C-alpha cells in the first residue's frame, strides 16, 4: 500500500467546486483501468492525497506517469479553459510517496480524513463572501 501526495502546478488553489468532483471521478476511472484499489483519498484545494494498493507488477512511477498524463487530458477535455491557462502543465512535476504497512495504515487513513475535513473548511471559507 502506498500513500501518495501530488500538487497542482505552483500549488494554485484551483481544485474546488466542479473541478474537484471531476478530479475525484477521473482518479476513480484511471485507478479502475489499472486495477489500483483506492483505500482512502481526498482532493484538497491545492493538492491530492491518495492511499492506494497498486498491483505488484506495476511500479509507482509508472502509475503516476500514466495517471498524471491521462488525467490532465481528461481534465482539459472537461475544462478546456484550463488548457490555455496552464498549457499542459496542470500538475507539478514531482509527487510524494511512502509505502505503508498494516501498522501505520490506520494512521494514514486518519491523516487523510483530517485533510478532507480541513479542505472542506478551506473550501467554505474560499467560497464565502
N, C-alpha and C. Protein backbone atom coordinates (compact mmCIF):
# COMPACT_ATOMS: atom_id res chain seq x y z
N UNK A 1 0.84 -1.17 0.00
CA UNK A 1 0.00 0.00 0.00
C UNK A 1 0.89 1.23 0.00
N UNK A 2 0.41 2.26 -0.69
CA UNK A 2 1.18 3.48 -0.81
C UNK A 2 0.31 4.70 -0.48
N UNK A 3 0.93 5.68 0.14
CA UNK A 3 0.30 6.97 0.38
C UNK A 3 0.97 7.94 -0.59
N UNK A 4 0.18 8.55 -1.47
CA UNK A 4 0.70 9.44 -2.50
C UNK A 4 0.12 10.84 -2.29
N UNK A 5 0.97 11.84 -2.43
CA UNK A 5 0.52 13.23 -2.38
C UNK A 5 1.08 13.91 -3.62
N UNK A 6 0.22 14.58 -4.37
CA UNK A 6 0.69 15.35 -5.51
C UNK A 6 -0.06 16.67 -5.55
N UNK A 7 0.57 17.67 -6.17
CA UNK A 7 0.05 19.03 -6.11
C UNK A 7 -0.19 19.59 -7.50
N UNK A 8 -1.01 20.63 -7.54
CA UNK A 8 -1.19 21.36 -8.79
C UNK A 8 0.04 22.23 -9.01
N UNK A 9 0.30 22.57 -10.25
CA UNK A 9 1.47 23.40 -10.59
C UNK A 9 1.45 24.69 -9.80
N UNK A 10 2.55 25.03 -9.22
CA UNK A 10 2.70 26.24 -8.39
C UNK A 10 1.74 26.26 -7.21
N UNK A 11 1.18 25.11 -6.88
CA UNK A 11 0.22 24.98 -5.77
C UNK A 11 -0.92 25.97 -5.88
N UNK A 12 -1.39 26.18 -7.10
CA UNK A 12 -2.53 27.06 -7.32
C UNK A 12 -3.74 26.49 -6.60
N UNK A 13 -4.45 27.33 -5.92
CA UNK A 13 -5.64 26.90 -5.17
C UNK A 13 -6.83 26.83 -6.13
N UNK A 14 -6.80 25.80 -6.97
CA UNK A 14 -7.77 25.72 -8.05
C UNK A 14 -8.65 24.47 -8.00
N UNK A 15 -8.42 23.58 -7.05
CA UNK A 15 -9.15 22.31 -7.03
C UNK A 15 -10.38 22.44 -6.13
N UNK A 16 -11.40 23.08 -6.64
CA UNK A 16 -12.62 23.26 -5.88
C UNK A 16 -13.82 23.17 -6.81
N UNK A 17 -15.00 23.09 -6.22
CA UNK A 17 -16.24 23.06 -6.99
C UNK A 17 -16.30 21.90 -7.97
N UNK A 18 -16.74 22.19 -9.17
CA UNK A 18 -16.94 21.18 -10.20
C UNK A 18 -15.63 20.46 -10.55
N UNK A 19 -14.52 21.21 -10.55
CA UNK A 19 -13.23 20.60 -10.88
C UNK A 19 -12.86 19.52 -9.85
N UNK A 20 -13.13 19.77 -8.59
CA UNK A 20 -12.83 18.79 -7.54
C UNK A 20 -13.61 17.50 -7.79
N UNK A 21 -14.88 17.63 -8.13
CA UNK A 21 -15.70 16.45 -8.43
C UNK A 21 -15.15 15.70 -9.64
N UNK A 22 -14.74 16.46 -10.67
CA UNK A 22 -14.19 15.83 -11.87
C UNK A 22 -12.89 15.10 -11.57
N UNK A 23 -12.03 15.69 -10.75
CA UNK A 23 -10.76 15.03 -10.40
C UNK A 23 -11.02 13.75 -9.62
N UNK A 24 -11.98 13.78 -8.69
CA UNK A 24 -12.34 12.54 -7.97
C UNK A 24 -12.77 11.46 -8.94
N UNK A 25 -13.64 11.82 -9.88
CA UNK A 25 -14.14 10.85 -10.85
C UNK A 25 -13.01 10.33 -11.74
N UNK A 26 -12.13 11.22 -12.18
CA UNK A 26 -11.00 10.82 -13.03
C UNK A 26 -10.08 9.88 -12.27
N UNK A 27 -9.82 10.17 -11.00
CA UNK A 27 -8.99 9.27 -10.19
C UNK A 27 -9.61 7.89 -10.14
N UNK A 28 -10.90 7.83 -9.88
CA UNK A 28 -11.59 6.52 -9.80
C UNK A 28 -11.49 5.77 -11.12
N UNK A 29 -11.76 6.48 -12.23
CA UNK A 29 -11.75 5.84 -13.55
C UNK A 29 -10.37 5.28 -13.88
N UNK A 30 -9.33 6.12 -13.72
CA UNK A 30 -7.98 5.69 -14.10
C UNK A 30 -7.44 4.61 -13.17
N UNK A 31 -7.78 4.67 -11.90
CA UNK A 31 -7.36 3.60 -10.98
C UNK A 31 -8.04 2.29 -11.35
N UNK A 32 -9.30 2.37 -11.71
CA UNK A 32 -10.03 1.16 -12.11
C UNK A 32 -9.40 0.54 -13.36
N UNK A 33 -9.02 1.37 -14.35
CA UNK A 33 -8.37 0.88 -15.57
C UNK A 33 -7.11 0.08 -15.27
N UNK A 34 -6.36 0.51 -14.25
CA UNK A 34 -5.09 -0.12 -13.91
C UNK A 34 -5.20 -1.10 -12.74
N UNK A 35 -6.41 -1.41 -12.31
CA UNK A 35 -6.64 -2.33 -11.18
C UNK A 35 -5.95 -1.86 -9.91
N UNK A 36 -5.97 -0.55 -9.69
CA UNK A 36 -5.42 0.04 -8.48
C UNK A 36 -6.58 0.29 -7.53
N UNK A 37 -6.48 -0.25 -6.34
CA UNK A 37 -7.55 -0.12 -5.35
C UNK A 37 -7.33 1.16 -4.53
N UNK A 38 -8.34 2.01 -4.49
CA UNK A 38 -8.28 3.22 -3.68
C UNK A 38 -8.77 2.87 -2.28
N UNK A 39 -7.88 3.02 -1.30
CA UNK A 39 -8.24 2.72 0.09
C UNK A 39 -8.80 3.96 0.79
N UNK A 40 -8.26 5.11 0.46
CA UNK A 40 -8.71 6.38 1.02
C UNK A 40 -8.18 7.48 0.11
N UNK A 41 -8.80 8.63 0.16
CA UNK A 41 -8.31 9.74 -0.65
C UNK A 41 -9.09 11.00 -0.40
N UNK A 42 -8.45 12.12 -0.73
CA UNK A 42 -9.12 13.42 -0.62
C UNK A 42 -8.50 14.36 -1.64
N UNK A 43 -9.36 15.14 -2.29
CA UNK A 43 -8.90 16.20 -3.19
C UNK A 43 -9.02 17.50 -2.41
N UNK A 44 -7.88 18.02 -1.97
CA UNK A 44 -7.86 19.29 -1.25
C UNK A 44 -7.81 20.43 -2.26
N UNK A 45 -7.81 21.66 -1.78
CA UNK A 45 -7.90 22.81 -2.68
C UNK A 45 -6.66 22.99 -3.56
N UNK A 46 -5.49 22.50 -3.11
CA UNK A 46 -4.29 22.64 -3.92
C UNK A 46 -3.44 21.38 -3.98
N UNK A 47 -3.94 20.26 -3.47
CA UNK A 47 -3.20 19.00 -3.55
C UNK A 47 -4.15 17.83 -3.37
N UNK A 48 -3.64 16.64 -3.65
CA UNK A 48 -4.44 15.41 -3.57
C UNK A 48 -3.68 14.39 -2.72
N UNK A 49 -4.41 13.73 -1.82
CA UNK A 49 -3.88 12.61 -1.03
C UNK A 49 -4.58 11.35 -1.49
N UNK A 50 -3.81 10.30 -1.71
CA UNK A 50 -4.37 9.00 -2.06
C UNK A 50 -3.67 7.92 -1.26
N UNK A 51 -4.43 6.99 -0.77
CA UNK A 51 -3.89 5.77 -0.20
C UNK A 51 -4.38 4.65 -1.11
N UNK A 52 -3.44 3.99 -1.78
CA UNK A 52 -3.81 3.02 -2.81
C UNK A 52 -3.05 1.71 -2.64
N UNK A 53 -3.63 0.67 -3.19
CA UNK A 53 -2.97 -0.64 -3.30
C UNK A 53 -2.71 -0.87 -4.78
N UNK A 54 -1.45 -0.81 -5.15
CA UNK A 54 -1.05 -0.95 -6.55
C UNK A 54 -0.64 -2.41 -6.79
N UNK A 55 -1.08 -3.00 -7.91
CA UNK A 55 -0.70 -4.39 -8.19
C UNK A 55 0.82 -4.54 -8.21
N UNK A 56 1.32 -5.70 -7.77
CA UNK A 56 2.78 -5.92 -7.68
C UNK A 56 3.52 -5.76 -9.01
N UNK A 57 2.85 -6.03 -10.11
CA UNK A 57 3.53 -5.94 -11.41
C UNK A 57 3.73 -4.50 -11.89
N UNK A 58 3.13 -3.54 -11.19
CA UNK A 58 3.22 -2.14 -11.59
C UNK A 58 4.02 -1.36 -10.54
N UNK A 59 4.92 -0.49 -10.99
CA UNK A 59 5.62 0.33 -10.01
C UNK A 59 4.98 1.71 -9.92
N UNK A 60 5.25 2.38 -8.83
CA UNK A 60 4.58 3.64 -8.53
C UNK A 60 4.89 4.72 -9.56
N UNK A 61 6.12 4.77 -10.04
CA UNK A 61 6.47 5.82 -11.01
C UNK A 61 5.73 5.64 -12.33
N UNK A 62 5.57 4.39 -12.77
CA UNK A 62 4.79 4.15 -13.99
C UNK A 62 3.33 4.53 -13.79
N UNK A 63 2.80 4.17 -12.63
CA UNK A 63 1.41 4.52 -12.35
C UNK A 63 1.21 6.03 -12.32
N UNK A 64 2.09 6.76 -11.64
CA UNK A 64 1.94 8.21 -11.54
C UNK A 64 2.14 8.88 -12.90
N UNK A 65 3.07 8.39 -13.70
CA UNK A 65 3.25 8.93 -15.06
C UNK A 65 1.99 8.73 -15.88
N UNK A 66 1.44 7.54 -15.82
CA UNK A 66 0.19 7.23 -16.51
C UNK A 66 -0.93 8.13 -15.99
N UNK A 67 -1.06 8.20 -14.67
CA UNK A 67 -2.17 8.93 -14.08
C UNK A 67 -2.10 10.42 -14.40
N UNK A 68 -0.95 11.03 -14.22
CA UNK A 68 -0.82 12.47 -14.49
C UNK A 68 -1.06 12.78 -15.97
N UNK A 69 -0.51 11.95 -16.86
CA UNK A 69 -0.69 12.17 -18.29
C UNK A 69 -2.13 12.05 -18.74
N UNK A 70 -2.77 10.98 -18.34
CA UNK A 70 -4.17 10.75 -18.75
C UNK A 70 -5.13 11.70 -18.05
N UNK A 71 -4.88 11.97 -16.77
CA UNK A 71 -5.82 12.81 -16.01
C UNK A 71 -5.87 14.22 -16.56
N UNK A 72 -4.72 14.76 -16.98
CA UNK A 72 -4.75 16.13 -17.48
C UNK A 72 -5.49 16.21 -18.81
N UNK A 73 -5.35 15.19 -19.64
CA UNK A 73 -6.10 15.17 -20.89
C UNK A 73 -7.60 15.13 -20.61
N UNK A 74 -8.00 14.29 -19.66
CA UNK A 74 -9.42 14.18 -19.30
C UNK A 74 -9.92 15.48 -18.66
N UNK A 75 -9.09 16.10 -17.84
CA UNK A 75 -9.47 17.34 -17.17
C UNK A 75 -9.61 18.48 -18.18
N UNK A 76 -8.66 18.58 -19.12
CA UNK A 76 -8.74 19.63 -20.14
C UNK A 76 -9.91 19.39 -21.08
N UNK A 77 -10.28 18.11 -21.27
CA UNK A 77 -11.44 17.81 -22.10
C UNK A 77 -12.71 18.35 -21.43
N UNK A 78 -12.76 18.24 -20.10
CA UNK A 78 -13.93 18.72 -19.35
C UNK A 78 -13.88 20.22 -19.08
N UNK A 79 -12.67 20.77 -18.99
CA UNK A 79 -12.47 22.20 -18.69
C UNK A 79 -11.47 22.79 -19.69
N UNK A 80 -11.89 23.02 -20.94
CA UNK A 80 -10.95 23.50 -21.97
C UNK A 80 -10.31 24.85 -21.64
N UNK A 81 -10.96 25.64 -20.82
CA UNK A 81 -10.41 26.95 -20.45
C UNK A 81 -9.10 26.83 -19.68
N UNK A 82 -8.87 25.70 -19.03
CA UNK A 82 -7.64 25.50 -18.27
C UNK A 82 -6.42 25.29 -19.15
N UNK A 83 -6.64 24.75 -20.34
CA UNK A 83 -5.51 24.42 -21.21
C UNK A 83 -4.72 25.67 -21.58
N UNK A 84 -5.40 26.74 -21.92
CA UNK A 84 -4.68 27.96 -22.28
C UNK A 84 -4.05 28.61 -21.05
N UNK A 85 -4.64 28.35 -19.89
CA UNK A 85 -4.13 28.93 -18.65
C UNK A 85 -2.81 28.31 -18.22
N UNK A 86 -2.70 26.95 -18.29
CA UNK A 86 -1.51 26.26 -17.81
C UNK A 86 -0.73 25.52 -18.89
N UNK A 87 -1.27 25.46 -20.09
CA UNK A 87 -0.56 24.87 -21.23
C UNK A 87 0.13 23.54 -20.91
N UNK A 88 -0.66 22.53 -20.67
CA UNK A 88 -0.20 21.15 -20.44
C UNK A 88 0.62 20.96 -19.17
N UNK A 89 0.54 21.87 -18.23
CA UNK A 89 1.33 21.72 -17.01
C UNK A 89 0.47 21.99 -15.79
N UNK A 90 -0.63 21.29 -15.67
CA UNK A 90 -1.52 21.50 -14.54
C UNK A 90 -0.95 20.89 -13.27
N UNK A 91 -0.44 19.67 -13.35
CA UNK A 91 0.16 19.00 -12.19
C UNK A 91 1.63 19.35 -12.10
N UNK A 92 2.11 19.52 -10.88
CA UNK A 92 3.55 19.74 -10.66
C UNK A 92 4.31 18.49 -11.06
N UNK A 93 5.57 18.63 -11.34
CA UNK A 93 6.37 17.55 -11.87
C UNK A 93 6.54 16.36 -10.92
N UNK A 94 6.74 16.60 -9.68
CA UNK A 94 7.00 15.51 -8.74
C UNK A 94 5.77 15.08 -7.97
N UNK A 95 6.02 14.21 -7.00
CA UNK A 95 4.99 13.74 -6.09
C UNK A 95 5.69 13.14 -4.88
N UNK A 96 4.95 12.99 -3.81
CA UNK A 96 5.48 12.36 -2.60
C UNK A 96 4.81 11.00 -2.47
N UNK A 97 5.59 10.00 -2.13
CA UNK A 97 5.02 8.67 -1.92
C UNK A 97 5.73 8.00 -0.75
N UNK A 98 4.95 7.30 0.05
CA UNK A 98 5.52 6.47 1.10
C UNK A 98 4.78 5.15 1.10
N UNK A 99 5.52 4.09 1.30
CA UNK A 99 4.92 2.77 1.39
C UNK A 99 4.44 2.60 2.83
N UNK A 100 3.22 2.14 2.95
CA UNK A 100 2.66 1.97 4.29
C UNK A 100 2.35 0.50 4.54
N UNK A 101 2.57 0.09 5.76
CA UNK A 101 2.26 -1.27 6.16
C UNK A 101 1.00 -1.28 7.00
N UNK A 102 0.62 -2.42 7.45
CA UNK A 102 -0.61 -2.56 8.24
C UNK A 102 -0.56 -1.75 9.53
N UNK A 103 0.62 -1.56 10.09
CA UNK A 103 0.73 -0.87 11.37
C UNK A 103 0.35 0.60 11.24
N UNK A 104 0.82 1.25 10.18
CA UNK A 104 0.53 2.68 10.07
C UNK A 104 -0.62 2.99 9.10
N UNK A 105 -1.23 1.97 8.54
CA UNK A 105 -2.33 2.20 7.60
C UNK A 105 -3.44 3.03 8.24
N UNK A 106 -3.80 2.70 9.46
CA UNK A 106 -4.86 3.44 10.14
C UNK A 106 -4.45 4.89 10.38
N UNK A 107 -3.19 5.13 10.68
CA UNK A 107 -2.70 6.50 10.88
C UNK A 107 -2.81 7.30 9.59
N UNK A 108 -2.48 6.68 8.46
CA UNK A 108 -2.59 7.37 7.17
C UNK A 108 -4.06 7.66 6.84
N UNK A 109 -4.93 6.69 7.09
CA UNK A 109 -6.36 6.92 6.86
C UNK A 109 -6.87 8.08 7.72
N UNK A 110 -6.44 8.13 8.98
CA UNK A 110 -6.84 9.21 9.88
C UNK A 110 -6.33 10.55 9.35
N UNK A 111 -5.08 10.58 8.89
CA UNK A 111 -4.49 11.80 8.35
C UNK A 111 -5.26 12.27 7.12
N UNK A 112 -5.59 11.36 6.22
CA UNK A 112 -6.35 11.72 5.01
C UNK A 112 -7.73 12.25 5.39
N UNK A 113 -8.35 11.62 6.38
CA UNK A 113 -9.67 12.09 6.84
C UNK A 113 -9.55 13.52 7.40
N UNK A 114 -8.51 13.77 8.18
CA UNK A 114 -8.29 15.12 8.72
C UNK A 114 -8.06 16.12 7.61
N UNK A 115 -7.32 15.72 6.56
CA UNK A 115 -7.09 16.60 5.42
C UNK A 115 -8.41 16.92 4.71
N UNK A 116 -9.29 15.92 4.60
CA UNK A 116 -10.59 16.14 3.97
C UNK A 116 -11.40 17.14 4.77
N UNK A 117 -11.40 17.01 6.09
CA UNK A 117 -12.14 17.95 6.93
C UNK A 117 -11.58 19.36 6.81
N UNK A 118 -10.25 19.48 6.80
CA UNK A 118 -9.61 20.79 6.65
C UNK A 118 -9.91 21.38 5.29
N UNK A 119 -9.92 20.54 4.26
CA UNK A 119 -10.21 21.00 2.91
C UNK A 119 -11.63 21.53 2.81
N UNK A 120 -12.58 20.85 3.46
CA UNK A 120 -13.97 21.33 3.46
C UNK A 120 -14.07 22.70 4.13
N UNK A 121 -13.34 22.88 5.22
CA UNK A 121 -13.33 24.18 5.90
C UNK A 121 -12.76 25.26 5.00
N UNK A 122 -11.62 24.94 4.35
CA UNK A 122 -11.00 25.89 3.42
C UNK A 122 -11.93 26.24 2.28
N UNK A 123 -12.59 25.22 1.75
CA UNK A 123 -13.50 25.43 0.63
C UNK A 123 -14.63 26.37 1.03
N UNK A 124 -15.18 26.17 2.22
CA UNK A 124 -16.26 27.04 2.69
C UNK A 124 -15.77 28.47 2.85
N UNK A 125 -14.56 28.63 3.38
CA UNK A 125 -14.00 29.97 3.56
C UNK A 125 -13.74 30.64 2.23
N UNK A 126 -13.22 29.88 1.25
CA UNK A 126 -12.84 30.49 -0.01
C UNK A 126 -14.04 30.83 -0.88
N UNK A 127 -15.18 30.16 -0.66
CA UNK A 127 -16.35 30.46 -1.47
C UNK A 127 -17.29 31.43 -0.79
N UNK A 128 -17.06 31.72 0.49
CA UNK A 128 -17.93 32.66 1.21
C UNK A 128 -17.49 34.09 0.94
N UNK A 129 -18.45 34.96 0.75
CA UNK A 129 -18.14 36.37 0.51
C UNK A 129 -18.68 37.22 1.61
